[in-house]
Structures are given as C-alpha cells and as structure tokens.
Amino acid sequence: MAKKLFMVGGAKGVGKTRLTMEVASELQIPRIETGDIVRQYLSNPQGLLQDYIMAQILNQKSSTIVSTHYAEGYNGEDKFEFKRGLDKIHLQMINQKFDMSFCLVELGSEELLMRRFADSRRRTLTPEIVSRELEYNQQAYEMYLSEFGATAFILNNIDFEQTKLKLLTWTNERK
C-alpha cells in the first residue's frame, strides 16, 4: 500500500496546527509542521530552504500529515508578493514516494482577524494583509490541485470539533 501524505494548508491562524495535531494523534501517524522545519533550518541554514523542507518530508517512513502554508505573501514591509510554499518540482519528487492529498483550511477574513487579535502570538493584524494571505493560500492550493489532478477538499474552521471530524473522516477515507 502506498504511503499517504496529507497536506493541510492555509493562512496563519486558521487552526491548522491544532487540527493536524489532534488528527495525527487519533490516527497514530507522524505529523510535520513546516513552520517548525523553517525554524530548524534558520538556526543552521545549509543549502536551500525548499530542499531542506522536502528532505524532512521524504525522511518519513509512513503515512504523514503535514501542516503548512500553501503560500506566503507578506514580506513585513507593507509589500505583497505571491510565493508558493513548495514549488512544483519539489512536490513532484515528494509525489514519487507518497500519494498526496491536499486540504485547505479557511476562515472568513473577519473571523480570522478576530482570532488573530485574541491570539498571544505576534501576527499581522491589518484586514488587507489577512485578506491577501487567505487569497494567496487559495491561489496556491488551486495550483497544487491542478498540477496533481487532485480533488479539492476545503474546510471552513468555524466550529473546531466539526472541522476536526471532517478532517479525520477525509484522512481515513484515503488511508
């Protein structure tokens, strides 16, 4: 049976971390958070970041759930620039080892903005930036689907328990 890679992505603050932690625990499969990988890389950068992320994913020996951002877009200087999380070539290499499925976790921009205001982590709080992050993640997600002929699976994370159940069901159907 082919190993599965469940890519769960979206903008910062939509609930990917908690969702993937709980689903991975229930499924008893490994979980990767690309933000953690980036922080590890930044503490000792060697080679290209995309290569480093890809290597961490490829090192998995079983089906895995990945919490990620499909795209980034805000550079911290009030400038926006669309940038994919992983490029097509890296995803193709990962696809040689794993059967990939893609899920987008979303929230409305107003709800996400309210959650960010309530969050103790330092996150960007302007409506324009939040809207762009949501837009860029949607755009990159659609690119991933198109490139791999994958079926869309989008979760609106308004009610955490219902969203977790839907994600758990989705992953179980693909195991």
C-alpha atoms as a PDB file:
ATOM      1  CA  MET A   1       0.000   0.000   0.000  1.00  0.00           C
ATOM      2  CA  ALA A   2       1.321   3.435  -0.939  1.00  0.00           C
ATOM      3  CA  LYS A   3       2.246   5.833   1.812  1.00  0.00           C
ATOM      4  CA  LYS A   4      -0.083   8.813   2.085  1.00  0.00           C
ATOM      5  CA  LEU A   5       0.859  12.435   2.585  1.00  0.00           C
ATOM      6  CA  PHE A   6      -1.972  14.633   3.796  1.00  0.00           C
ATOM      7  CA  MET A   7      -1.090  18.265   3.091  1.00  0.00           C
ATOM      8  CA  VAL A   8      -3.248  20.530   5.277  1.00  0.00           C
ATOM      9  CA  GLY A   9      -2.608  24.167   4.475  1.00  0.00           C
ATOM     10  CA  GLY A  10      -3.959  27.644   4.889  1.00  0.00           C
ATOM     11  CA  ALA A  11      -3.178  31.100   6.205  1.00  0.00           C
ATOM     12  CA  LYS A  12      -1.666  31.707   9.623  1.00  0.00           C
ATOM     13  CA  GLY A  13      -4.211  31.359  12.399  1.00  0.00           C
ATOM     14  CA  VAL A  14      -6.904  29.285  10.651  1.00  0.00           C
ATOM     15  CA  GLY A  15      -6.318  26.350  13.021  1.00  0.00           C
ATOM     16  CA  LYS A  16      -4.045  24.027  11.035  1.00  0.00           C
ATOM     17  CA  THR A  17      -1.685  23.267  13.915  1.00  0.00           C
ATOM     18  CA  ARG A  18      -4.308  22.153  16.412  1.00  0.00           C
ATOM     19  CA  LEU A  19      -6.328  20.287  13.769  1.00  0.00           C
ATOM     20  CA  THR A  20      -3.336  18.335  12.469  1.00  0.00           C
ATOM     21  CA  MET A  21      -2.004  17.629  15.968  1.00  0.00           C
ATOM     22  CA  GLU A  22      -5.278  16.089  17.098  1.00  0.00           C
ATOM     23  CA  VAL A  23      -5.965  14.191  13.857  1.00  0.00           C
ATOM     24  CA  ALA A  24      -2.413  12.812  13.687  1.00  0.00           C
ATOM     25  CA  SER A  25      -2.721  11.699  17.305  1.00  0.00           C
ATOM     26  CA  GLU A  26      -6.036   9.949  16.670  1.00  0.00           C
ATOM     27  CA  LEU A  27      -4.716   8.278  13.512  1.00  0.00           C
ATOM     28  CA  GLN A  28      -1.389   7.492  15.193  1.00  0.00           C
ATOM     29  CA  ILE A  29       0.602   8.832  12.252  1.00  0.00           C
ATOM     30  CA  PRO A  30       3.517  11.272  12.204  1.00  0.00           C
ATOM     31  CA  ARG A  31       2.878  14.980  11.833  1.00  0.00           C
ATOM     32  CA  ILE A  32       5.143  17.603  10.317  1.00  0.00           C
ATOM     33  CA  GLU A  33       4.720  21.324  10.706  1.00  0.00           C
ATOM     34  CA  THR A  34       6.635  23.181   8.020  1.00  0.00           C
ATOM     35  CA  GLY A  35       6.913  26.238  10.289  1.00  0.00           C
ATOM     36  CA  ASP A  36       8.957  24.123  12.726  1.00  0.00           C
ATOM     37  CA  ILE A  37      11.146  22.920   9.864  1.00  0.00           C
ATOM     38  CA  VAL A  38      11.757  26.517   8.758  1.00  0.00           C
ATOM     39  CA  ARG A  39      12.773  27.486  12.314  1.00  0.00           C
ATOM     40  CA  GLN A  40      15.161  24.496  12.473  1.00  0.00           C
ATOM     41  CA  TYR A  41      16.652  25.497   9.135  1.00  0.00           C
ATOM     42  CA  LEU A  42      17.104  29.127  10.193  1.00  0.00           C
ATOM     43  CA  SER A  43      19.082  28.044  13.261  1.00  0.00           C
ATOM     44  CA  ASN A  44      21.619  26.309  10.983  1.00  0.00           C
ATOM     45  CA  PRO A  45      20.970  27.126   7.305  1.00  0.00           C
ATOM     46  CA  GLN A  46      22.569  24.693   4.885  1.00  0.00           C
ATOM     47  CA  GLY A  47      21.536  24.564   1.255  1.00  0.00           C
ATOM     48  CA  LEU A  48      18.193  25.806   0.006  1.00  0.00           C
ATOM     49  CA  LEU A  49      15.210  26.010   2.337  1.00  0.00           C
ATOM     50  CA  GLN A  50      12.896  24.209  -0.124  1.00  0.00           C
ATOM     51  CA  ASP A  51      15.394  21.321  -0.367  1.00  0.00           C
ATOM     52  CA  TYR A  52      15.552  21.145   3.426  1.00  0.00           C
ATOM     53  CA  ILE A  53      11.761  21.030   3.792  1.00  0.00           C
ATOM     54  CA  MET A  54      11.486  18.394   1.070  1.00  0.00           C
ATOM     55  CA  ALA A  55      14.159  16.232   2.736  1.00  0.00           C
ATOM     56  CA  GLN A  56      12.304  16.347   6.062  1.00  0.00           C
ATOM     57  CA  ILE A  57       9.133  15.159   4.345  1.00  0.00           C
ATOM     58  CA  LEU A  58      10.917  12.472   2.323  1.00  0.00           C
ATOM     59  CA  ASN A  59      12.531  11.108   5.514  1.00  0.00           C
ATOM     60  CA  GLN A  60       9.114   9.981   6.761  1.00  0.00           C
ATOM     61  CA  LYS A  61       8.760   6.213   6.729  1.00  0.00           C
ATOM     62  CA  SER A  62       4.964   6.037   6.924  1.00  0.00           C
ATOM     63  CA  SER A  63       1.865   7.983   6.013  1.00  0.00           C
ATOM     64  CA  THR A  64       2.180  11.517   7.387  1.00  0.00           C
ATOM     65  CA  ILE A  65       0.077  14.619   7.913  1.00  0.00           C
ATOM     66  CA  VAL A  66       1.715  17.973   7.104  1.00  0.00           C
ATOM     67  CA  SER A  67       0.607  21.332   8.470  1.00  0.00           C
ATOM     68  CA  THR A  68       1.766  24.006   6.039  1.00  0.00           C
ATOM     69  CA  HIS A  69       1.145  27.286   4.280  1.00  0.00           C
ATOM     70  CA  TYR A  70       0.404  26.807   0.606  1.00  0.00           C
ATOM     71  CA  ALA A  71       1.679  30.335   0.014  1.00  0.00           C
ATOM     72  CA  GLU A  72       3.239  33.335   1.663  1.00  0.00           C
ATOM     73  CA  GLY A  73       2.670  36.843   0.515  1.00  0.00           C
ATOM     74  CA  TYR A  74       3.570  39.473   3.078  1.00  0.00           C
ATOM     75  CA  ASN A  75       7.219  40.433   3.419  1.00  0.00           C
ATOM     76  CA  GLY A  76       6.850  42.613   6.505  1.00  0.00           C
ATOM     77  CA  GLU A  77       7.489  45.877   4.679  1.00  0.00           C
ATOM     78  CA  ASP A  78       3.911  46.574   3.600  1.00  0.00           C
ATOM     79  CA  LYS A  79       4.648  44.841   0.308  1.00  0.00           C
ATOM     80  CA  PHE A  80       2.852  41.804  -1.029  1.00  0.00           C
ATOM     81  CA  GLU A  81       4.411  39.208  -3.249  1.00  0.00           C
ATOM     82  CA  PHE A  82       2.904  35.819  -4.003  1.00  0.00           C
ATOM     83  CA  LYS A  83       5.258  32.937  -3.192  1.00  0.00           C
ATOM     84  CA  ARG A  84       4.338  29.261  -3.211  1.00  0.00           C
ATOM     85  CA  GLY A  85       5.096  27.146  -0.171  1.00  0.00           C
ATOM     86  CA  LEU A  86       6.668  24.316  -2.220  1.00  0.00           C
ATOM     87  CA  ASP A  87       7.402  24.508  -5.915  1.00  0.00           C
ATOM     88  CA  LYS A  88       6.147  22.019  -8.486  1.00  0.00           C
ATOM     89  CA  ILE A  89       9.494  20.205  -8.844  1.00  0.00           C
ATOM     90  CA  HIS A  90       9.777  19.522  -5.101  1.00  0.00           C
ATOM     91  CA  LEU A  91       6.168  18.367  -4.952  1.00  0.00           C
ATOM     92  CA  GLN A  92       6.781  16.011  -7.887  1.00  0.00           C
ATOM     93  CA  MET A  93       9.709  14.473  -6.002  1.00  0.00           C
ATOM     94  CA  ILE A  94       7.547  14.026  -2.905  1.00  0.00           C
ATOM     95  CA  ASN A  95       4.779  12.563  -5.060  1.00  0.00           C
ATOM     96  CA  GLN A  96       7.167   9.777  -6.154  1.00  0.00           C
ATOM     97  CA  LYS A  97       7.231   8.496  -2.562  1.00  0.00           C
ATOM     98  CA  PHE A  98       3.772   9.469  -1.311  1.00  0.00           C
ATOM     99  CA  ASP A  99       0.229   9.501  -2.578  1.00  0.00           C
ATOM    100  CA  MET A 100      -0.589  13.161  -1.847  1.00  0.00           C
ATOM    101  CA  SER A 101      -3.937  14.650  -0.844  1.00  0.00           C
ATOM    102  CA  PHE A 102      -4.487  18.365  -0.319  1.00  0.00           C
ATOM    103  CA  CYS A 103      -6.807  20.098   2.153  1.00  0.00           C
ATOM    104  CA  LEU A 104      -7.299  23.848   2.514  1.00  0.00           C
ATOM    105  CA  VAL A 105      -8.388  25.191   5.909  1.00  0.00           C
ATOM    106  CA  GLU A 106     -10.132  28.532   5.628  1.00  0.00           C
ATOM    107  CA  LEU A 107     -11.882  31.187   7.642  1.00  0.00           C
ATOM    108  CA  GLY A 108     -13.568  34.384   6.578  1.00  0.00           C
ATOM    109  CA  SER A 109     -11.218  37.342   6.790  1.00  0.00           C
ATOM    110  CA  GLU A 110     -13.224  38.990   9.594  1.00  0.00           C
ATOM    111  CA  GLU A 111     -13.224  35.806  11.709  1.00  0.00           C
ATOM    112  CA  LEU A 112      -9.501  35.294  11.101  1.00  0.00           C
ATOM    113  CA  LEU A 113      -8.778  38.888  12.048  1.00  0.00           C
ATOM    114  CA  MET A 114     -10.749  38.468  15.303  1.00  0.00           C
ATOM    115  CA  ARG A 115      -8.839  35.260  16.114  1.00  0.00           C
ATOM    116  CA  ARG A 116      -5.539  36.978  15.473  1.00  0.00           C
ATOM    117  CA  PHE A 117      -6.456  39.815  17.809  1.00  0.00           C
ATOM    118  CA  ALA A 118      -7.200  37.240  20.522  1.00  0.00           C
ATOM    119  CA  ASP A 119      -4.013  35.260  19.850  1.00  0.00           C
ATOM    120  CA  SER A 120      -0.971  35.941  22.018  1.00  0.00           C
ATOM    121  CA  ARG A 121       1.437  35.119  19.176  1.00  0.00           C
ATOM    122  CA  ARG A 122       2.691  38.029  17.187  1.00  0.00           C
ATOM    123  CA  ARG A 123       0.741  38.026  13.929  1.00  0.00           C
ATOM    124  CA  THR A 124      -0.073  40.661  11.379  1.00  0.00           C
ATOM    125  CA  LEU A 125      -3.432  42.256  12.101  1.00  0.00           C
ATOM    126  CA  THR A 126      -4.460  44.502   9.218  1.00  0.00           C
ATOM    127  CA  PRO A 127      -7.533  43.478   7.211  1.00  0.00           C
ATOM    128  CA  GLU A 128      -5.638  43.917   3.929  1.00  0.00           C
ATOM    129  CA  ILE A 129      -2.857  41.541   4.943  1.00  0.00           C
ATOM    130  CA  VAL A 130      -5.284  38.933   6.286  1.00  0.00           C
ATOM    131  CA  SER A 131      -7.307  39.062   3.048  1.00  0.00           C
ATOM    132  CA  ARG A 132      -4.170  38.713   0.932  1.00  0.00           C
ATOM    133  CA  GLU A 133      -2.911  35.738   2.964  1.00  0.00           C
ATOM    134  CA  LEU A 134      -6.248  33.982   2.507  1.00  0.00           C
ATOM    135  CA  GLU A 135      -6.272  34.822  -1.201  1.00  0.00           C
ATOM    136  CA  TYR A 136      -2.690  33.660  -1.789  1.00  0.00           C
ATOM    137  CA  ASN A 137      -3.238  30.366   0.046  1.00  0.00           C
ATOM    138  CA  GLN A 138      -6.372  29.728  -2.039  1.00  0.00           C
ATOM    139  CA  GLN A 139      -4.463  30.550  -5.231  1.00  0.00           C
ATOM    140  CA  ALA A 140      -1.530  28.252  -4.408  1.00  0.00           C
ATOM    141  CA  TYR A 141      -3.877  25.479  -3.261  1.00  0.00           C
ATOM    142  CA  GLU A 142      -5.637  25.614  -6.626  1.00  0.00           C
ATOM    143  CA  MET A 143      -2.246  25.417  -8.363  1.00  0.00           C
ATOM    144  CA  TYR A 144      -1.350  22.285  -6.373  1.00  0.00           C
ATOM    145  CA  LEU A 145      -4.685  20.673  -7.257  1.00  0.00           C
ATOM    146  CA  SER A 146      -4.269  21.470 -10.925  1.00  0.00           C
ATOM    147  CA  GLU A 147      -0.689  20.204 -11.093  1.00  0.00           C
ATOM    148  CA  PHE A 148      -1.531  16.871  -9.472  1.00  0.00           C
ATOM    149  CA  GLY A 149      -5.092  16.347 -10.688  1.00  0.00           C
ATOM    150  CA  ALA A 150      -6.231  16.239  -7.078  1.00  0.00           C
ATOM    151  CA  THR A 151      -9.756  16.704  -5.785  1.00  0.00           C
ATOM    152  CA  ALA A 152     -10.498  19.810  -3.742  1.00  0.00           C
ATOM    153  CA  PHE A 153     -11.222  19.459  -0.033  1.00  0.00           C
ATOM    154  CA  ILE A 154     -11.841  22.749   1.748  1.00  0.00           C
ATOM    155  CA  LEU A 155     -12.679  23.091   5.426  1.00  0.00           C
ATOM    156  CA  ASN A 156     -14.128  26.246   6.940  1.00  0.00           C
ATOM    157  CA  ASN A 157     -12.898  26.089  10.536  1.00  0.00           C
ATOM    158  CA  ILE A 158     -15.729  27.896  12.327  1.00  0.00           C
ATOM    159  CA  ASP A 159     -16.566  25.002  14.682  1.00  0.00           C
ATOM    160  CA  PHE A 160     -13.351  23.189  15.658  1.00  0.00           C
ATOM    161  CA  GLU A 161     -14.900  19.848  16.658  1.00  0.00           C
ATOM    162  CA  GLN A 162     -16.942  19.586  13.449  1.00  0.00           C
ATOM    163  CA  THR A 163     -13.920  20.603  11.367  1.00  0.00           C
ATOM    164  CA  LYS A 164     -11.726  18.038  13.128  1.00  0.00           C
ATOM    165  CA  LEU A 165     -14.293  15.318  12.481  1.00  0.00           C
ATOM    166  CA  LYS A 166     -14.442  16.225   8.775  1.00  0.00           C
ATOM    167  CA  LEU A 167     -10.625  16.185   8.538  1.00  0.00           C
ATOM    168  CA  LEU A 168     -10.467  12.850  10.359  1.00  0.00           C
ATOM    169  CA  THR A 169     -13.080  11.376   8.024  1.00  0.00           C
ATOM    170  CA  TRP A 170     -11.263  12.714   4.961  1.00  0.00           C
ATOM    171  CA  THR A 171      -7.922  11.238   6.022  1.00  0.00           C
ATOM    172  CA  ASN A 172      -9.493   7.889   6.989  1.00  0.00           C
ATOM    173  CA  GLU A 173     -11.165   7.635   3.572  1.00  0.00           C
ATOM    174  CA  ARG A 174      -7.748   7.987   1.914  1.00  0.00           C
ATOM    175  CA  LYS A 175      -5.722   5.658   4.168  1.00  0.00           C
END
